[in-house]
């Protein structure tokens, strides 16, 4: 089994859509340090949404967690990009807040 190179270029992937999924699946984690930033941690096969809505297939069979797509990615950050500075190679990320999840559950429980 090959171990990754010590010094690798870092590639930041924004989102978990079609292009991100294809890139993460095919990219060499031996040569690249891959970091995924997305508010959702899975990819959805959107052509199957109609089938899922009528019950032909289950929703879980049309999603794929980003870490399953390539288990050797270096990091996944749950959040969204709010600023990119290519000159200084900086990315500003707004992290997903746990309070919004807690608030959602409180709202469901209150009903």
N, C-alpha and C. Protein backbone atom coordinates (compact mmCIF):
# COMPACT_ATOMS: atom_id res chain seq x y z
N UNK A 1 0.85 -1.19 0.00
CA UNK A 1 0.00 0.00 0.00
C UNK A 1 0.89 1.24 0.00
N UNK A 2 0.60 2.16 -0.89
CA UNK A 2 1.38 3.39 -0.99
C UNK A 2 0.95 4.38 0.09
N UNK A 3 1.91 5.04 0.69
CA UNK A 3 1.58 6.11 1.62
C UNK A 3 1.68 7.43 0.88
N UNK A 4 0.85 8.41 1.24
CA UNK A 4 0.87 9.70 0.55
C UNK A 4 2.22 10.40 0.69
N UNK A 5 2.54 11.21 -0.31
CA UNK A 5 3.75 12.02 -0.26
C UNK A 5 3.65 12.98 0.92
N UNK A 6 4.79 13.32 1.51
CA UNK A 6 4.81 14.27 2.63
C UNK A 6 4.33 15.65 2.19
N UNK A 7 4.86 16.14 1.08
CA UNK A 7 4.50 17.47 0.59
C UNK A 7 3.64 17.28 -0.66
N UNK A 8 2.37 17.65 -0.53
CA UNK A 8 1.42 17.53 -1.64
C UNK A 8 0.69 18.84 -1.81
N UNK A 9 0.35 19.21 -3.05
CA UNK A 9 -0.49 20.40 -3.23
C UNK A 9 -1.87 20.15 -2.62
N UNK A 10 -2.44 21.20 -2.03
CA UNK A 10 -3.78 21.10 -1.45
C UNK A 10 -4.81 21.56 -2.46
N UNK A 11 -5.86 20.77 -2.61
CA UNK A 11 -6.98 21.12 -3.48
C UNK A 11 -8.21 21.22 -2.59
N UNK A 12 -8.86 22.38 -2.62
CA UNK A 12 -10.09 22.59 -1.87
C UNK A 12 -11.25 22.37 -2.83
N UNK A 13 -12.15 21.48 -2.49
CA UNK A 13 -13.33 21.19 -3.30
C UNK A 13 -14.51 21.83 -2.62
N UNK A 14 -15.20 22.73 -3.32
CA UNK A 14 -16.37 23.41 -2.75
C UNK A 14 -17.63 22.71 -3.22
N UNK A 15 -18.37 22.15 -2.28
CA UNK A 15 -19.63 21.49 -2.61
C UNK A 15 -19.47 20.00 -2.78
N UNK A 16 -20.61 19.32 -2.89
CA UNK A 16 -20.63 17.87 -3.10
C UNK A 16 -21.56 17.52 -4.25
N UNK A 17 -21.57 18.38 -5.27
CA UNK A 17 -22.41 18.14 -6.45
C UNK A 17 -21.75 17.20 -7.44
N UNK A 18 -22.24 17.22 -8.68
CA UNK A 18 -21.77 16.30 -9.72
C UNK A 18 -20.26 16.43 -9.97
N UNK A 19 -19.78 17.65 -10.19
CA UNK A 19 -18.36 17.84 -10.51
C UNK A 19 -17.48 17.45 -9.32
N UNK A 20 -17.88 17.87 -8.12
CA UNK A 20 -17.11 17.55 -6.92
C UNK A 20 -17.05 16.04 -6.72
N UNK A 21 -18.18 15.38 -6.88
CA UNK A 21 -18.24 13.93 -6.71
C UNK A 21 -17.32 13.23 -7.70
N UNK A 22 -17.37 13.63 -8.97
CA UNK A 22 -16.52 13.02 -9.99
C UNK A 22 -15.04 13.26 -9.69
N UNK A 23 -14.69 14.48 -9.29
CA UNK A 23 -13.30 14.80 -9.00
C UNK A 23 -12.78 14.02 -7.80
N UNK A 24 -13.54 14.04 -6.70
CA UNK A 24 -13.12 13.36 -5.47
C UNK A 24 -12.98 11.87 -5.71
N UNK A 25 -13.85 11.31 -6.53
CA UNK A 25 -13.82 9.88 -6.81
C UNK A 25 -12.55 9.49 -7.59
N UNK A 26 -12.12 10.36 -8.51
CA UNK A 26 -11.00 10.02 -9.40
C UNK A 26 -9.65 10.59 -8.95
N UNK A 27 -9.64 11.56 -8.07
CA UNK A 27 -8.40 12.23 -7.69
C UNK A 27 -7.47 11.30 -6.90
N UNK A 28 -6.19 11.48 -7.11
CA UNK A 28 -5.18 10.69 -6.42
C UNK A 28 -4.83 11.34 -5.08
N UNK A 29 -5.22 10.70 -3.99
CA UNK A 29 -4.87 11.24 -2.68
C UNK A 29 -3.41 10.98 -2.35
N UNK A 30 -2.74 10.21 -3.19
CA UNK A 30 -1.30 10.02 -3.04
C UNK A 30 -0.57 11.30 -3.47
N UNK A 31 -1.08 11.95 -4.52
CA UNK A 31 -0.44 13.14 -5.07
C UNK A 31 -1.04 14.45 -4.57
N UNK A 32 -2.30 14.42 -4.11
CA UNK A 32 -3.00 15.64 -3.72
C UNK A 32 -3.54 15.52 -2.30
N UNK A 33 -3.53 16.63 -1.60
CA UNK A 33 -4.21 16.72 -0.30
C UNK A 33 -5.57 17.31 -0.59
N UNK A 34 -6.64 16.55 -0.40
CA UNK A 34 -7.98 16.97 -0.77
C UNK A 34 -8.78 17.34 0.47
N UNK A 35 -9.35 18.55 0.45
CA UNK A 35 -10.21 19.03 1.52
C UNK A 35 -11.55 19.41 0.88
N UNK A 36 -12.63 18.86 1.39
CA UNK A 36 -13.97 19.14 0.86
C UNK A 36 -14.69 20.07 1.83
N UNK A 37 -15.25 21.17 1.30
CA UNK A 37 -16.04 22.11 2.10
C UNK A 37 -17.44 22.13 1.49
N UNK A 38 -18.43 21.75 2.29
CA UNK A 38 -19.80 21.71 1.80
C UNK A 38 -20.77 21.72 2.98
N UNK A 39 -21.94 22.34 2.80
CA UNK A 39 -22.94 22.33 3.88
C UNK A 39 -23.60 20.96 4.05
N UNK A 40 -23.47 20.09 3.05
CA UNK A 40 -24.02 18.73 3.16
C UNK A 40 -22.90 17.73 2.95
N UNK A 41 -22.95 16.61 3.65
CA UNK A 41 -21.86 15.65 3.59
C UNK A 41 -22.12 14.48 2.65
N UNK A 42 -23.02 14.68 1.69
CA UNK A 42 -23.35 13.60 0.78
C UNK A 42 -23.64 14.15 -0.62
N UNK A 43 -23.60 13.24 -1.58
CA UNK A 43 -23.93 13.53 -2.97
C UNK A 43 -25.28 12.89 -3.26
N UNK A 44 -26.15 13.59 -3.98
CA UNK A 44 -27.47 13.06 -4.32
C UNK A 44 -27.54 12.84 -5.82
N UNK A 45 -27.91 11.63 -6.23
CA UNK A 45 -28.11 11.32 -7.65
C UNK A 45 -29.47 11.90 -8.05
N UNK A 46 -29.47 13.16 -8.47
CA UNK A 46 -30.71 13.90 -8.71
C UNK A 46 -31.64 13.28 -9.74
N UNK A 47 -31.16 12.57 -10.78
CA UNK A 47 -32.13 11.97 -11.70
C UNK A 47 -33.06 10.94 -11.04
N UNK A 48 -32.67 10.46 -9.87
CA UNK A 48 -33.49 9.47 -9.19
C UNK A 48 -34.49 10.09 -8.22
N UNK A 49 -34.50 11.41 -8.08
CA UNK A 49 -35.41 12.06 -7.13
C UNK A 49 -36.87 11.73 -7.41
N UNK A 50 -37.26 11.73 -8.67
CA UNK A 50 -38.65 11.43 -9.01
C UNK A 50 -39.03 10.02 -8.56
N UNK A 51 -38.14 9.06 -8.78
CA UNK A 51 -38.41 7.68 -8.36
C UNK A 51 -38.52 7.58 -6.85
N UNK A 52 -37.71 8.34 -6.14
CA UNK A 52 -37.76 8.30 -4.68
C UNK A 52 -39.06 8.91 -4.16
N UNK A 53 -39.54 9.95 -4.84
CA UNK A 53 -40.75 10.62 -4.37
C UNK A 53 -42.00 9.75 -4.49
N UNK A 54 -42.00 8.81 -5.44
CA UNK A 54 -43.16 7.93 -5.59
C UNK A 54 -42.94 6.56 -4.95
N UNK A 55 -41.76 6.36 -4.36
CA UNK A 55 -41.51 5.13 -3.62
C UNK A 55 -40.92 3.99 -4.43
N UNK A 56 -40.51 4.25 -5.67
CA UNK A 56 -39.90 3.19 -6.49
C UNK A 56 -38.56 2.77 -5.90
N UNK A 57 -37.80 3.74 -5.43
CA UNK A 57 -36.53 3.44 -4.76
C UNK A 57 -36.50 4.18 -3.43
N UNK A 58 -35.64 3.73 -2.54
CA UNK A 58 -35.49 4.40 -1.26
C UNK A 58 -34.50 5.56 -1.40
N UNK A 59 -34.73 6.59 -0.62
CA UNK A 59 -33.86 7.77 -0.65
C UNK A 59 -32.41 7.39 -0.36
N UNK A 60 -32.19 6.50 0.59
CA UNK A 60 -30.81 6.15 0.96
C UNK A 60 -30.05 5.47 -0.16
N UNK A 61 -30.73 4.91 -1.16
CA UNK A 61 -30.03 4.27 -2.27
C UNK A 61 -29.62 5.27 -3.35
N UNK A 62 -30.02 6.52 -3.22
CA UNK A 62 -29.62 7.53 -4.22
C UNK A 62 -28.68 8.58 -3.64
N UNK A 63 -28.18 8.35 -2.44
CA UNK A 63 -27.20 9.26 -1.84
C UNK A 63 -25.91 8.50 -1.58
N UNK A 64 -24.82 9.24 -1.61
CA UNK A 64 -23.52 8.64 -1.30
C UNK A 64 -22.74 9.61 -0.44
N UNK A 65 -22.39 9.22 0.79
CA UNK A 65 -21.58 10.09 1.64
C UNK A 65 -20.25 10.43 0.96
N UNK A 66 -19.79 11.65 1.12
CA UNK A 66 -18.57 12.10 0.46
C UNK A 66 -17.37 11.30 0.93
N UNK A 67 -17.38 10.86 2.18
CA UNK A 67 -16.25 10.07 2.69
C UNK A 67 -16.22 8.66 2.12
N UNK A 68 -17.37 8.17 1.65
CA UNK A 68 -17.42 6.86 0.99
C UNK A 68 -16.92 6.99 -0.45
N UNK A 69 -17.18 8.14 -1.07
CA UNK A 69 -16.74 8.38 -2.44
C UNK A 69 -15.22 8.19 -2.54
N UNK A 70 -14.48 8.74 -1.59
CA UNK A 70 -13.04 8.55 -1.52
C UNK A 70 -12.65 8.59 -0.03
N UNK A 71 -12.50 7.43 0.59
CA UNK A 71 -12.24 7.42 2.03
C UNK A 71 -10.88 8.00 2.43
N UNK A 72 -10.05 8.33 1.45
CA UNK A 72 -8.72 8.84 1.75
C UNK A 72 -8.61 10.36 1.63
N UNK A 73 -9.75 11.07 1.47
CA UNK A 73 -9.66 12.53 1.47
C UNK A 73 -9.13 12.98 2.82
N UNK A 74 -8.40 14.09 2.82
CA UNK A 74 -7.74 14.52 4.04
C UNK A 74 -8.70 15.12 5.06
N UNK A 75 -9.71 15.84 4.59
CA UNK A 75 -10.61 16.47 5.54
C UNK A 75 -11.92 16.83 4.87
N UNK A 76 -12.98 16.81 5.67
CA UNK A 76 -14.29 17.31 5.24
C UNK A 76 -14.70 18.38 6.25
N UNK A 77 -15.06 19.56 5.75
CA UNK A 77 -15.49 20.66 6.61
C UNK A 77 -16.96 20.94 6.30
N UNK A 78 -17.82 20.80 7.30
CA UNK A 78 -19.24 21.08 7.10
C UNK A 78 -19.48 22.57 7.28
N UNK A 79 -19.69 23.24 6.17
CA UNK A 79 -19.89 24.68 6.16
C UNK A 79 -19.98 25.16 4.73
N UNK A 80 -20.00 26.49 4.58
CA UNK A 80 -20.06 27.04 3.22
C UNK A 80 -19.03 28.14 3.07
N UNK A 81 -18.51 28.24 1.87
CA UNK A 81 -17.51 29.25 1.59
C UNK A 81 -18.18 30.62 1.51
N UNK A 82 -17.61 31.60 2.22
CA UNK A 82 -18.16 32.96 2.16
C UNK A 82 -17.13 33.95 1.65
N UNK A 83 -15.94 33.46 1.34
CA UNK A 83 -14.92 34.35 0.79
C UNK A 83 -13.72 33.59 0.28
N UNK A 84 -13.23 34.00 -0.89
CA UNK A 84 -12.06 33.37 -1.48
C UNK A 84 -11.06 34.47 -1.83
N UNK A 85 -9.83 34.32 -1.38
CA UNK A 85 -8.74 35.24 -1.69
C UNK A 85 -7.65 34.44 -2.40
N UNK A 86 -7.71 34.35 -3.75
CA UNK A 86 -6.74 33.52 -4.48
C UNK A 86 -5.31 34.05 -4.39
N UNK A 87 -5.14 35.35 -4.24
CA UNK A 87 -3.79 35.91 -4.14
C UNK A 87 -3.06 35.38 -2.93
N UNK A 88 -3.73 35.35 -1.78
CA UNK A 88 -3.11 34.87 -0.54
C UNK A 88 -3.44 33.41 -0.24
N UNK A 89 -4.16 32.78 -1.15
CA UNK A 89 -4.56 31.37 -1.00
C UNK A 89 -5.31 31.15 0.31
N UNK A 90 -6.34 31.99 0.52
CA UNK A 90 -7.16 31.89 1.73
C UNK A 90 -8.62 31.64 1.37
N UNK A 91 -9.26 30.81 2.15
CA UNK A 91 -10.68 30.52 1.99
C UNK A 91 -11.35 30.79 3.33
N UNK A 92 -12.41 31.58 3.32
CA UNK A 92 -13.18 31.84 4.53
C UNK A 92 -14.41 30.95 4.51
N UNK A 93 -14.61 30.21 5.60
CA UNK A 93 -15.71 29.24 5.67
C UNK A 93 -16.59 29.57 6.85
N UNK A 94 -17.90 29.61 6.61
CA UNK A 94 -18.87 29.73 7.69
C UNK A 94 -19.27 28.31 8.07
N UNK A 95 -18.88 27.88 9.26
CA UNK A 95 -19.16 26.52 9.69
C UNK A 95 -20.64 26.33 9.99
N UNK A 96 -21.12 25.12 9.77
CA UNK A 96 -22.51 24.80 10.09
C UNK A 96 -22.69 24.87 11.59
N UNK A 97 -23.76 25.45 12.03
CA UNK A 97 -24.00 25.64 13.45
C UNK A 97 -24.84 24.51 14.01
N UNK A 98 -24.41 23.97 15.13
CA UNK A 98 -25.20 22.93 15.79
C UNK A 98 -26.48 23.49 16.38
N UNK A 99 -26.50 24.79 16.66
CA UNK A 99 -27.70 25.38 17.25
C UNK A 99 -28.87 25.34 16.28
N UNK A 100 -28.59 25.40 14.97
CA UNK A 100 -29.70 25.32 14.01
C UNK A 100 -30.30 23.92 14.02
N UNK A 101 -29.46 22.91 14.18
CA UNK A 101 -29.97 21.54 14.26
C UNK A 101 -30.78 21.37 15.53
N UNK A 102 -30.26 21.84 16.64
CA UNK A 102 -30.97 21.75 17.91
C UNK A 102 -32.30 22.50 17.84
N UNK A 103 -32.27 23.67 17.24
CA UNK A 103 -33.49 24.46 17.08
C UNK A 103 -34.54 23.74 16.25
N UNK A 104 -34.09 23.05 15.20
CA UNK A 104 -35.01 22.29 14.36
C UNK A 104 -35.66 21.18 15.17
N UNK A 105 -34.87 20.46 15.96
CA UNK A 105 -35.43 19.38 16.76
C UNK A 105 -36.38 19.91 17.82
N UNK A 106 -36.06 21.07 18.38
CA UNK A 106 -36.96 21.67 19.38
C UNK A 106 -38.30 22.01 18.74
N UNK A 107 -38.24 22.53 17.50
CA UNK A 107 -39.47 22.88 16.79
C UNK A 107 -40.32 21.66 16.51
N UNK A 108 -39.70 20.56 16.12
CA UNK A 108 -40.44 19.33 15.84
C UNK A 108 -41.03 18.78 17.13
N UNK A 109 -40.24 18.79 18.19
CA UNK A 109 -40.71 18.24 19.47
C UNK A 109 -41.84 19.07 20.05
N UNK A 110 -41.83 20.38 19.78
CA UNK A 110 -42.86 21.27 20.34
C UNK A 110 -44.20 21.06 19.68
N UNK A 111 -44.22 20.56 18.44
CA UNK A 111 -45.48 20.39 17.71
C UNK A 111 -46.18 19.20 18.18
